């Protein structure tokens, strides 16, 4: 059982973190729920699922955490100091990124590298849910994905008799233009799908099998790409045929939420299928020399 002094220290640290980062987390959640945050930061709305899950994992590990010896790693103090400097800049992105830096620094400062390893998964989930400019930086490099989605969506529309012309990332349907922008190319949904896949791999223990986890992550990417092709094909059809209500429903209203839910359900079903049909590892049976005649 942890001593009273240890419990007091834990609660003091928790209170200080709540004071520093509570308003920041409220700002994130409000922006994600009401879409009042920048487009780049909307890419990290999977934090609505991931941050509570990270907190649950950390809480579940409280007994192993208290059993670790108190040991301060010098790098931990450096990370805590760096996080404080990042927070004091008052620059939004630096303040955001100071949270995972602070948490990693505290783990090292309190329990050294053993504590960091113990809390590795919660720290990863927090880091991947922290809003930053990464989507903005990689958007210029996903042009091939945009072109692929536009081409295949155009091909599907042609198959059902819809007149469509595809030029790079643009679809022209009945004189109406639809652009497969980076946001519409499913980059956000790809981020969300991979993040949820990571949570599922940990929750189900599938990470213990490299074969299963690799197939699952590859399948997650495939589901995300195929789903966005179908979504862009429908959006192009609705816009080109003048069905503005259906277009707005799928693009901005709850139709988009339904699409996202179906994608995530497909990912869950994929994992269940892999666990049921794919072995933990591929092993080759080797015959002994005496059995070879």
C-alpha atoms as a PDB file:
ATOM      1  CA  UNK A   1       0.000   0.000   0.000  1.00  0.00           C
ATOM      2  CA  UNK A   2       1.314   3.478  -0.850  1.00  0.00           C
ATOM      3  CA  UNK A   3       2.227   5.652   2.103  1.00  0.00           C
ATOM      4  CA  UNK A   4       0.272   8.745   3.088  1.00  0.00           C
ATOM      5  CA  UNK A   5       3.166  10.930   1.946  1.00  0.00           C
ATOM      6  CA  UNK A   6       3.089   9.370  -1.509  1.00  0.00           C
ATOM      7  CA  UNK A   7      -0.659   9.862  -1.765  1.00  0.00           C
ATOM      8  CA  UNK A   8      -0.315  13.512  -0.730  1.00  0.00           C
ATOM      9  CA  UNK A   9       2.368  14.104  -3.371  1.00  0.00           C
ATOM     10  CA  UNK A  10       0.211  12.425  -6.021  1.00  0.00           C
ATOM     11  CA  UNK A  11      -2.806  14.580  -5.215  1.00  0.00           C
ATOM     12  CA  UNK A  12      -0.717  17.776  -5.207  1.00  0.00           C
ATOM     13  CA  UNK A  13       0.670  16.952  -8.653  1.00  0.00           C
ATOM     14  CA  UNK A  14      -2.807  16.041  -9.923  1.00  0.00           C
ATOM     15  CA  UNK A  15      -4.206  19.338  -8.612  1.00  0.00           C
ATOM     16  CA  UNK A  16      -1.437  21.364 -10.267  1.00  0.00           C
ATOM     17  CA  UNK A  17      -1.998  19.552 -13.582  1.00  0.00           C
ATOM     18  CA  UNK A  18      -5.743  20.208 -13.332  1.00  0.00           C
ATOM     19  CA  UNK A  19      -5.128  23.916 -12.733  1.00  0.00           C
ATOM     20  CA  UNK A  20      -2.661  24.216 -15.608  1.00  0.00           C
ATOM     21  CA  UNK A  21      -4.261  21.983 -18.219  1.00  0.00           C
ATOM     22  CA  UNK A  22      -7.919  21.793 -17.201  1.00  0.00           C
ATOM     23  CA  UNK A  23      -8.898  24.939 -19.152  1.00  0.00           C
ATOM     24  CA  UNK A  24      -6.842  23.757 -22.123  1.00  0.00           C
ATOM     25  CA  UNK A  25      -8.577  20.365 -22.209  1.00  0.00           C
ATOM     26  CA  UNK A  26     -11.984  22.059 -21.915  1.00  0.00           C
ATOM     27  CA  UNK A  27     -11.043  24.230 -24.906  1.00  0.00           C
ATOM     28  CA  UNK A  28     -10.095  21.150 -26.925  1.00  0.00           C
ATOM     29  CA  UNK A  29     -13.273  19.250 -26.102  1.00  0.00           C
ATOM     30  CA  UNK A  30     -15.510  22.259 -26.771  1.00  0.00           C
ATOM     31  CA  UNK A  31     -13.801  22.845 -30.115  1.00  0.00           C
ATOM     32  CA  UNK A  32     -14.095  19.209 -31.136  1.00  0.00           C
ATOM     33  CA  UNK A  33     -17.746  18.927 -30.156  1.00  0.00           C
ATOM     34  CA  UNK A  34     -18.917  22.230 -31.640  1.00  0.00           C
ATOM     35  CA  UNK A  35     -16.357  22.426 -34.478  1.00  0.00           C
ATOM     36  CA  UNK A  36     -15.331  25.851 -33.222  1.00  0.00           C
ATOM     37  CA  UNK A  37     -11.642  24.996 -33.451  1.00  0.00           C
ATOM     38  CA  UNK A  38      -9.344  25.265 -36.489  1.00  0.00           C
ATOM     39  CA  UNK A  39      -9.598  22.631 -39.230  1.00  0.00           C
ATOM     40  CA  UNK A  40      -6.126  21.319 -38.397  1.00  0.00           C
ATOM     41  CA  UNK A  41      -7.125  20.849 -34.760  1.00  0.00           C
ATOM     42  CA  UNK A  42     -10.333  19.063 -35.793  1.00  0.00           C
ATOM     43  CA  UNK A  43      -8.082  16.307 -37.111  1.00  0.00           C
ATOM     44  CA  UNK A  44      -7.441  15.368 -33.483  1.00  0.00           C
ATOM     45  CA  UNK A  45     -11.069  15.024 -32.403  1.00  0.00           C
ATOM     46  CA  UNK A  46     -10.360  11.329 -31.811  1.00  0.00           C
ATOM     47  CA  UNK A  47      -9.102  12.623 -28.481  1.00  0.00           C
ATOM     48  CA  UNK A  48     -12.722  12.537 -27.335  1.00  0.00           C
ATOM     49  CA  UNK A  49     -12.270   8.775 -27.219  1.00  0.00           C
ATOM     50  CA  UNK A  50      -8.564   8.502 -26.605  1.00  0.00           C
ATOM     51  CA  UNK A  51      -8.041  10.865 -23.671  1.00  0.00           C
ATOM     52  CA  UNK A  52     -10.604   9.151 -21.383  1.00  0.00           C
ATOM     53  CA  UNK A  53      -9.181   5.777 -22.434  1.00  0.00           C
ATOM     54  CA  UNK A  54      -5.647   6.978 -21.611  1.00  0.00           C
ATOM     55  CA  UNK A  55      -6.846   8.155 -18.195  1.00  0.00           C
ATOM     56  CA  UNK A  56      -8.501   4.778 -17.577  1.00  0.00           C
ATOM     57  CA  UNK A  57      -5.310   2.874 -18.476  1.00  0.00           C
ATOM     58  CA  UNK A  58      -3.202   5.102 -16.216  1.00  0.00           C
ATOM     59  CA  UNK A  59      -5.668   4.615 -13.341  1.00  0.00           C
ATOM     60  CA  UNK A  60      -5.729   0.857 -13.923  1.00  0.00           C
ATOM     61  CA  UNK A  61      -1.940   0.798 -13.544  1.00  0.00           C
ATOM     62  CA  UNK A  62      -1.950   2.669 -10.232  1.00  0.00           C
ATOM     63  CA  UNK A  63      -0.928  -0.355  -8.157  1.00  0.00           C
ATOM     64  CA  UNK A  64       2.080  -1.292 -10.338  1.00  0.00           C
ATOM     65  CA  UNK A  65       2.967   2.430 -10.384  1.00  0.00           C
ATOM     66  CA  UNK A  66       3.056   2.689  -6.588  1.00  0.00           C
ATOM     67  CA  UNK A  67       5.083  -0.512  -6.362  1.00  0.00           C
ATOM     68  CA  UNK A  68       7.895   0.997  -8.450  1.00  0.00           C
ATOM     69  CA  UNK A  69      10.771   2.514  -6.446  1.00  0.00           C
ATOM     70  CA  UNK A  70      10.937   6.309  -6.306  1.00  0.00           C
ATOM     71  CA  UNK A  71      13.781   7.294  -8.585  1.00  0.00           C
ATOM     72  CA  UNK A  72      14.370  10.543 -10.457  1.00  0.00           C
ATOM     73  CA  UNK A  73      15.877  10.486 -13.920  1.00  0.00           C
ATOM     74  CA  UNK A  74      17.715  13.736 -14.818  1.00  0.00           C
ATOM     75  CA  UNK A  75      15.994  13.867 -18.199  1.00  0.00           C
ATOM     76  CA  UNK A  76      12.651  14.010 -16.405  1.00  0.00           C
ATOM     77  CA  UNK A  77      13.490  17.290 -14.703  1.00  0.00           C
ATOM     78  CA  UNK A  78      14.645  18.674 -18.037  1.00  0.00           C
ATOM     79  CA  UNK A  79      11.374  17.703 -19.714  1.00  0.00           C
ATOM     80  CA  UNK A  80       9.336  19.249 -16.891  1.00  0.00           C
ATOM     81  CA  UNK A  81      11.308  22.475 -17.246  1.00  0.00           C
ATOM     82  CA  UNK A  82      10.891  22.412 -21.021  1.00  0.00           C
ATOM     83  CA  UNK A  83       7.130  21.866 -20.671  1.00  0.00           C
ATOM     84  CA  UNK A  84       6.907  24.859 -18.323  1.00  0.00           C
ATOM     85  CA  UNK A  85       8.753  27.056 -20.838  1.00  0.00           C
ATOM     86  CA  UNK A  86       6.484  25.851 -23.665  1.00  0.00           C
ATOM     87  CA  UNK A  87       3.405  26.609 -21.561  1.00  0.00           C
ATOM     88  CA  UNK A  88       4.644  30.073 -20.596  1.00  0.00           C
ATOM     89  CA  UNK A  89       5.077  31.093 -24.255  1.00  0.00           C
ATOM     90  CA  UNK A  90       1.252  31.358 -24.443  1.00  0.00           C
ATOM     91  CA  UNK A  91       1.499  30.182 -28.047  1.00  0.00           C
ATOM     92  CA  UNK A  92      -1.388  27.734 -28.660  1.00  0.00           C
ATOM     93  CA  UNK A  93       0.597  24.947 -30.315  1.00  0.00           C
ATOM     94  CA  UNK A  94       3.443  25.118 -27.798  1.00  0.00           C
ATOM     95  CA  UNK A  95       0.969  25.095 -24.915  1.00  0.00           C
ATOM     96  CA  UNK A  96      -0.774  22.075 -26.429  1.00  0.00           C
ATOM     97  CA  UNK A  97       2.445  20.125 -26.920  1.00  0.00           C
ATOM     98  CA  UNK A  98       3.612  20.949 -23.410  1.00  0.00           C
ATOM     99  CA  UNK A  99       1.020  18.495 -22.034  1.00  0.00           C
ATOM    100  CA  UNK A 100       2.584  15.221 -23.317  1.00  0.00           C
ATOM    101  CA  UNK A 101       6.063  16.625 -22.584  1.00  0.00           C
ATOM    102  CA  UNK A 102       5.027  17.425 -19.011  1.00  0.00           C
ATOM    103  CA  UNK A 103       3.474  13.996 -18.449  1.00  0.00           C
ATOM    104  CA  UNK A 104       6.539  12.185 -19.815  1.00  0.00           C
ATOM    105  CA  UNK A 105       8.775  14.375 -17.663  1.00  0.00           C
ATOM    106  CA  UNK A 106       6.761  13.590 -14.538  1.00  0.00           C
ATOM    107  CA  UNK A 107       6.964   9.847 -15.197  1.00  0.00           C
ATOM    108  CA  UNK A 108      10.744  10.059 -15.495  1.00  0.00           C
ATOM    109  CA  UNK A 109      11.069  12.385 -12.510  1.00  0.00           C
ATOM    110  CA  UNK A 110       8.989  10.205 -10.191  1.00  0.00           C
ATOM    111  CA  UNK A 111       9.715   6.628 -11.314  1.00  0.00           C
ATOM    112  CA  UNK A 112      12.576   6.936 -13.828  1.00  0.00           C
ATOM    113  CA  UNK A 113      12.511   4.875 -17.027  1.00  0.00           C
ATOM    114  CA  UNK A 114      10.445   2.101 -15.392  1.00  0.00           C
ATOM    115  CA  UNK A 115       7.597   4.553 -14.858  1.00  0.00           C
ATOM    116  CA  UNK A 116       7.880   5.786 -18.432  1.00  0.00           C
ATOM    117  CA  UNK A 117       7.637   2.233 -19.754  1.00  0.00           C
ATOM    118  CA  UNK A 118       4.677   1.464 -17.501  1.00  0.00           C
ATOM    119  CA  UNK A 119       2.722   4.491 -18.719  1.00  0.00           C
ATOM    120  CA  UNK A 120       3.911   4.267 -22.327  1.00  0.00           C
ATOM    121  CA  UNK A 121       0.482   3.555 -23.825  1.00  0.00           C
ATOM    122  CA  UNK A 122      -1.388   6.396 -22.062  1.00  0.00           C
ATOM    123  CA  UNK A 123       1.426   8.789 -23.026  1.00  0.00           C
ATOM    124  CA  UNK A 124       1.229   7.695 -26.669  1.00  0.00           C
ATOM    125  CA  UNK A 125      -2.542   8.169 -26.733  1.00  0.00           C
ATOM    126  CA  UNK A 126      -2.234  11.650 -25.207  1.00  0.00           C
ATOM    127  CA  UNK A 127       0.541  12.649 -27.615  1.00  0.00           C
ATOM    128  CA  UNK A 128      -1.414  11.471 -30.671  1.00  0.00           C
ATOM    129  CA  UNK A 129      -4.525  13.357 -29.494  1.00  0.00           C
ATOM    130  CA  UNK A 130      -2.676  16.634 -28.855  1.00  0.00           C
ATOM    131  CA  UNK A 131      -3.631  19.241 -31.501  1.00  0.00           C
ATOM    132  CA  UNK A 132      -0.690  20.468 -33.571  1.00  0.00           C
ATOM    133  CA  UNK A 133       0.182  21.499 -37.115  1.00  0.00           C
ATOM    134  CA  UNK A 134       1.151  18.034 -38.377  1.00  0.00           C
ATOM    135  CA  UNK A 135      -1.905  17.724 -40.696  1.00  0.00           C
ATOM    136  CA  UNK A 136      -1.043  21.098 -42.257  1.00  0.00           C
ATOM    137  CA  UNK A 137       2.545  19.941 -42.828  1.00  0.00           C
ATOM    138  CA  UNK A 138       1.636  16.649 -44.533  1.00  0.00           C
ATOM    139  CA  UNK A 139      -1.299  17.905 -46.616  1.00  0.00           C
ATOM    140  CA  UNK A 140       0.951  18.853 -49.587  1.00  0.00           C
ATOM    141  CA  UNK A 141       2.153  15.256 -49.781  1.00  0.00           C
ATOM    142  CA  UNK A 142      -1.212  13.525 -50.098  1.00  0.00           C
ATOM    143  CA  UNK A 143      -1.966  14.788 -53.624  1.00  0.00           C
ATOM    144  CA  UNK A 144      -1.631  11.211 -55.031  1.00  0.00           C
ATOM    145  CA  UNK A 145      -4.294  10.051 -52.574  1.00  0.00           C
ATOM    146  CA  UNK A 146      -6.598  12.906 -53.614  1.00  0.00           C
ATOM    147  CA  UNK A 147      -6.099  12.024 -57.290  1.00  0.00           C
ATOM    148  CA  UNK A 148      -6.745   8.331 -56.616  1.00  0.00           C
ATOM    149  CA  UNK A 149      -9.992   9.060 -54.784  1.00  0.00           C
ATOM    150  CA  UNK A 150     -11.163  11.448 -57.520  1.00  0.00           C
ATOM    151  CA  UNK A 151     -10.352   8.961 -60.295  1.00  0.00           C
ATOM    152  CA  UNK A 152     -12.028   5.962 -58.668  1.00  0.00           C
ATOM    153  CA  UNK A 153     -15.049   8.021 -57.586  1.00  0.00           C
ATOM    154  CA  UNK A 154     -15.407   9.249 -61.169  1.00  0.00           C
ATOM    155  CA  UNK A 155     -15.112   5.686 -62.465  1.00  0.00           C
ATOM    156  CA  UNK A 156     -17.889   4.518 -60.134  1.00  0.00           C
ATOM    157  CA  UNK A 157     -20.191   7.331 -61.247  1.00  0.00           C
ATOM    158  CA  UNK A 158     -19.590   6.494 -64.905  1.00  0.00           C
ATOM    159  CA  UNK A 159     -20.638   2.885 -64.215  1.00  0.00           C
ATOM    160  CA  UNK A 160     -24.099   4.035 -63.104  1.00  0.00           C
ATOM    161  CA  UNK A 161     -24.515   6.324 -66.132  1.00  0.00           C
ATOM    162  CA  UNK A 162     -23.592   9.667 -64.564  1.00  0.00           C
ATOM    163  CA  UNK A 163     -21.704  11.967 -66.957  1.00  0.00           C
ATOM    164  CA  UNK A 164     -18.514  12.954 -65.164  1.00  0.00           C
ATOM    165  CA  UNK A 165     -15.131  14.340 -66.095  1.00  0.00           C
ATOM    166  CA  UNK A 166     -12.131  13.977 -63.809  1.00  0.00           C
ATOM    167  CA  UNK A 167      -9.203  16.372 -63.898  1.00  0.00           C
ATOM    168  CA  UNK A 168      -6.602  15.767 -61.208  1.00  0.00           C
ATOM    169  CA  UNK A 169      -8.520  16.254 -57.922  1.00  0.00           C
ATOM    170  CA  UNK A 170     -11.659  17.780 -59.509  1.00  0.00           C
ATOM    171  CA  UNK A 171     -14.832  16.017 -60.631  1.00  0.00           C
ATOM    172  CA  UNK A 172     -17.169  17.795 -63.031  1.00  0.00           C
ATOM    173  CA  UNK A 173     -20.715  16.420 -62.859  1.00  0.00           C
ATOM    174  CA  UNK A 174     -23.471  18.116 -64.902  1.00  0.00           C
ATOM    175  CA  UNK A 175     -21.522  21.351 -64.891  1.00  0.00           C
ATOM    176  CA  UNK A 176     -20.977  21.233 -61.132  1.00  0.00           C
ATOM    177  CA  UNK A 177     -17.466  21.072 -59.701  1.00  0.00           C
ATOM    178  CA  UNK A 178     -16.475  18.935 -56.742  1.00  0.00           C
ATOM    179  CA  UNK A 179     -12.970  19.215 -55.297  1.00  0.00           C
ATOM    180  CA  UNK A 180     -11.412  16.349 -53.386  1.00  0.00           C
ATOM    181  CA  UNK A 181      -9.596  18.596 -50.907  1.00  0.00           C
ATOM    182  CA  UNK A 182      -7.196  17.135 -48.309  1.00  0.00           C
ATOM    183  CA  UNK A 183      -9.905  17.307 -45.649  1.00  0.00           C
ATOM    184  CA  UNK A 184     -12.395  15.623 -47.992  1.00  0.00           C
ATOM    185  CA  UNK A 185      -9.810  13.021 -49.030  1.00  0.00           C
ATOM    186  CA  UNK A 186     -10.317  11.390 -45.664  1.00  0.00           C
ATOM    187  CA  UNK A 187      -7.079  12.447 -43.981  1.00  0.00           C
ATOM    188  CA  UNK A 188      -8.967  13.216 -40.770  1.00  0.00           C
ATOM    189  CA  UNK A 189     -10.853   9.927 -40.906  1.00  0.00           C
ATOM    190  CA  UNK A 190      -7.594   8.091 -41.602  1.00  0.00           C
ATOM    191  CA  UNK A 191      -6.090   9.650 -38.483  1.00  0.00           C
ATOM    192  CA  UNK A 192      -9.160   8.679 -36.473  1.00  0.00           C
ATOM    193  CA  UNK A 193      -9.260   5.142 -37.871  1.00  0.00           C
ATOM    194  CA  UNK A 194      -5.604   4.457 -37.073  1.00  0.00           C
ATOM    195  CA  UNK A 195      -6.000   5.968 -33.613  1.00  0.00           C
ATOM    196  CA  UNK A 196      -9.025   3.794 -32.836  1.00  0.00           C
ATOM    197  CA  UNK A 197      -7.179   0.808 -34.305  1.00  0.00           C
ATOM    198  CA  UNK A 198      -4.315   1.476 -31.890  1.00  0.00           C
ATOM    199  CA  UNK A 199      -6.765   1.567 -28.978  1.00  0.00           C
ATOM    200  CA  UNK A 200      -8.365  -1.711 -30.092  1.00  0.00           C
ATOM    201  CA  UNK A 201      -5.010  -3.425 -30.578  1.00  0.00           C
ATOM    202  CA  UNK A 202      -4.091  -2.560 -27.006  1.00  0.00           C
ATOM    203  CA  UNK A 203      -7.516  -3.294 -25.505  1.00  0.00           C
ATOM    204  CA  UNK A 204      -7.815  -6.741 -27.101  1.00  0.00           C
ATOM    205  CA  UNK A 205      -4.151  -7.688 -26.703  1.00  0.00           C
ATOM    206  CA  UNK A 206      -3.764  -8.091 -30.467  1.00  0.00           C
ATOM    207  CA  UNK A 207      -0.434  -6.258 -30.261  1.00  0.00           C
ATOM    208  CA  UNK A 208       1.093  -9.493 -28.938  1.00  0.00           C
ATOM    209  CA  UNK A 209       0.764 -10.929 -32.453  1.00  0.00           C
ATOM    210  CA  UNK A 210       2.784  -9.048 -35.043  1.00  0.00           C
ATOM    211  CA  UNK A 211       0.924 -10.830 -37.849  1.00  0.00           C
ATOM    212  CA  UNK A 212      -2.543  -9.939 -36.579  1.00  0.00           C
ATOM    213  CA  UNK A 213      -1.688  -6.353 -35.672  1.00  0.00           C
ATOM    214  CA  UNK A 214       0.030  -5.726 -39.035  1.00  0.00           C
ATOM    215  CA  UNK A 215      -2.903  -7.124 -41.009  1.00  0.00           C
ATOM    216  CA  UNK A 216      -5.309  -5.112 -38.883  1.00  0.00           C
ATOM    217  CA  UNK A 217      -3.501  -1.804 -39.431  1.00  0.00           C
ATOM    218  CA  UNK A 218      -3.194  -2.443 -43.174  1.00  0.00           C
ATOM    219  CA  UNK A 219      -6.881  -3.338 -43.324  1.00  0.00           C
ATOM    220  CA  UNK A 220      -7.757  -0.196 -41.375  1.00  0.00           C
ATOM    221  CA  UNK A 221      -6.009   1.966 -43.955  1.00  0.00           C
ATOM    222  CA  UNK A 222      -7.783   0.096 -46.774  1.00  0.00           C
ATOM    223  CA  UNK A 223     -11.190   0.554 -45.139  1.00  0.00           C
ATOM    224  CA  UNK A 224     -10.533   4.256 -44.664  1.00  0.00           C
ATOM    225  CA  UNK A 225      -9.517   4.782 -48.301  1.00  0.00           C
ATOM    226  CA  UNK A 226     -12.400   2.729 -49.734  1.00  0.00           C
ATOM    227  CA  UNK A 227     -14.891   4.445 -47.451  1.00  0.00           C
ATOM    228  CA  UNK A 228     -13.730   7.872 -48.550  1.00  0.00           C
ATOM    229  CA  UNK A 229     -13.935   6.889 -52.202  1.00  0.00           C
ATOM    230  CA  UNK A 230     -17.585   5.919 -51.714  1.00  0.00           C
ATOM    231  CA  UNK A 231     -18.282   9.090 -49.717  1.00  0.00           C
ATOM    232  CA  UNK A 232     -16.776  11.351 -52.385  1.00  0.00           C
ATOM    233  CA  UNK A 233     -18.651   9.489 -55.113  1.00  0.00           C
ATOM    234  CA  UNK A 234     -21.935  10.118 -53.266  1.00  0.00           C
ATOM    235  CA  UNK A 235     -21.072  13.765 -52.610  1.00  0.00           C
ATOM    236  CA  UNK A 236     -20.250  14.287 -56.279  1.00  0.00           C
ATOM    237  CA  UNK A 237     -23.488  12.610 -57.334  1.00  0.00           C
ATOM    238  CA  UNK A 238     -25.636  14.656 -54.953  1.00  0.00           C
ATOM    239  CA  UNK A 239     -23.960  17.937 -55.927  1.00  0.00           C
ATOM    240  CA  UNK A 240     -24.062  17.217 -59.644  1.00  0.00           C
ATOM    241  CA  UNK A 241     -27.701  16.171 -59.582  1.00  0.00           C
ATOM    242  CA  UNK A 242     -28.787  19.213 -57.620  1.00  0.00           C
ATOM    243  CA  UNK A 243     -29.681  17.271 -54.487  1.00  0.00           C
ATOM    244  CA  UNK A 244     -28.366  19.962 -52.177  1.00  0.00           C
ATOM    245  CA  UNK A 245     -30.169  18.640 -49.126  1.00  0.00           C
ATOM    246  CA  UNK A 246     -28.567  15.214 -49.432  1.00  0.00           C
ATOM    247  CA  UNK A 247     -25.199  16.831 -50.125  1.00  0.00           C
ATOM    248  CA  UNK A 248     -25.350  18.964 -46.973  1.00  0.00           C
ATOM    249  CA  UNK A 249     -26.599  15.990 -44.947  1.00  0.00           C
ATOM    250  CA  UNK A 250     -23.567  13.865 -45.874  1.00  0.00           C
ATOM    251  CA  UNK A 251     -21.050  16.699 -45.965  1.00  0.00           C
ATOM    252  CA  UNK A 252     -21.833  18.784 -42.881  1.00  0.00           C
ATOM    253  CA  UNK A 253     -24.781  17.258 -41.007  1.00  0.00           C
ATOM    254  CA  UNK A 254     -25.272  14.027 -39.081  1.00  0.00           C
ATOM    255  CA  UNK A 255     -24.845  11.988 -42.238  1.00  0.00           C
ATOM    256  CA  UNK A 256     -21.115  12.552 -41.884  1.00  0.00           C
ATOM    257  CA  UNK A 257     -21.276  11.310 -38.303  1.00  0.00           C
ATOM    258  CA  UNK A 258     -23.185   8.222 -39.459  1.00  0.00           C
ATOM    259  CA  UNK A 259     -20.536   7.587 -42.103  1.00  0.00           C
ATOM    260  CA  UNK A 260     -17.782   7.863 -39.466  1.00  0.00           C
ATOM    261  CA  UNK A 261     -19.630   5.484 -37.145  1.00  0.00           C
ATOM    262  CA  UNK A 262     -20.022   2.899 -39.927  1.00  0.00           C
ATOM    263  CA  UNK A 263     -16.313   3.170 -40.704  1.00  0.00           C
ATOM    264  CA  UNK A 264     -15.357   2.547 -37.084  1.00  0.00           C
ATOM    265  CA  UNK A 265     -17.825  -0.343 -36.869  1.00  0.00           C
ATOM    266  CA  UNK A 266     -16.176  -1.865 -39.937  1.00  0.00           C
ATOM    267  CA  UNK A 267     -12.799  -1.616 -38.215  1.00  0.00           C
ATOM    268  CA  UNK A 268     -14.128  -3.436 -35.154  1.00  0.00           C
ATOM    269  CA  UNK A 269     -15.611  -6.175 -37.333  1.00  0.00           C
ATOM    270  CA  UNK A 270     -12.307  -6.484 -39.199  1.00  0.00           C
ATOM    271  CA  UNK A 271     -10.429  -7.061 -35.955  1.00  0.00           C
ATOM    272  CA  UNK A 272     -12.925  -9.703 -34.842  1.00  0.00           C
ATOM    273  CA  UNK A 273     -12.555 -11.435 -38.222  1.00  0.00           C
ATOM    274  CA  UNK A 274      -8.759 -11.387 -37.993  1.00  0.00           C
ATOM    275  CA  UNK A 275      -8.829 -12.764 -34.453  1.00  0.00           C
ATOM    276  CA  UNK A 276     -11.164 -15.551 -35.541  1.00  0.00           C
ATOM    277  CA  UNK A 277      -9.467 -16.543 -38.809  1.00  0.00           C
ATOM    278  CA  UNK A 278      -5.801 -15.502 -38.640  1.00  0.00           C
ATOM    279  CA  UNK A 279      -3.306 -17.486 -36.517  1.00  0.00           C
ATOM    280  CA  UNK A 280      -1.156 -15.726 -33.958  1.00  0.00           C
ATOM    281  CA  UNK A 281       1.921 -16.401 -36.083  1.00  0.00           C
ATOM    282  CA  UNK A 282       2.946 -18.250 -39.193  1.00  0.00           C
ATOM    283  CA  UNK A 283       4.995 -21.324 -38.376  1.00  0.00           C
ATOM    284  CA  UNK A 284       6.500 -23.676 -40.886  1.00  0.00           C
ATOM    285  CA  UNK A 285       6.508 -27.340 -39.982  1.00  0.00           C
ATOM    286  CA  UNK A 286      10.028 -28.714 -40.374  1.00  0.00           C
ATOM    287  CA  UNK A 287      10.377 -32.422 -40.965  1.00  0.00           C
ATOM    288  CA  UNK A 288      13.075 -34.306 -39.122  1.00  0.00           C
ATOM    289  CA  UNK A 289      15.598 -36.210 -41.295  1.00  0.00           C
ATOM    290  CA  UNK A 290      14.337 -39.546 -39.987  1.00  0.00           C
ATOM    291  CA  UNK A 291      10.829 -38.823 -41.260  1.00  0.00           C
ATOM    292  CA  UNK A 292      12.048 -38.121 -44.779  1.00  0.00           C
ATOM    293  CA  UNK A 293      12.079 -41.297 -46.859  1.00  0.00           C
END
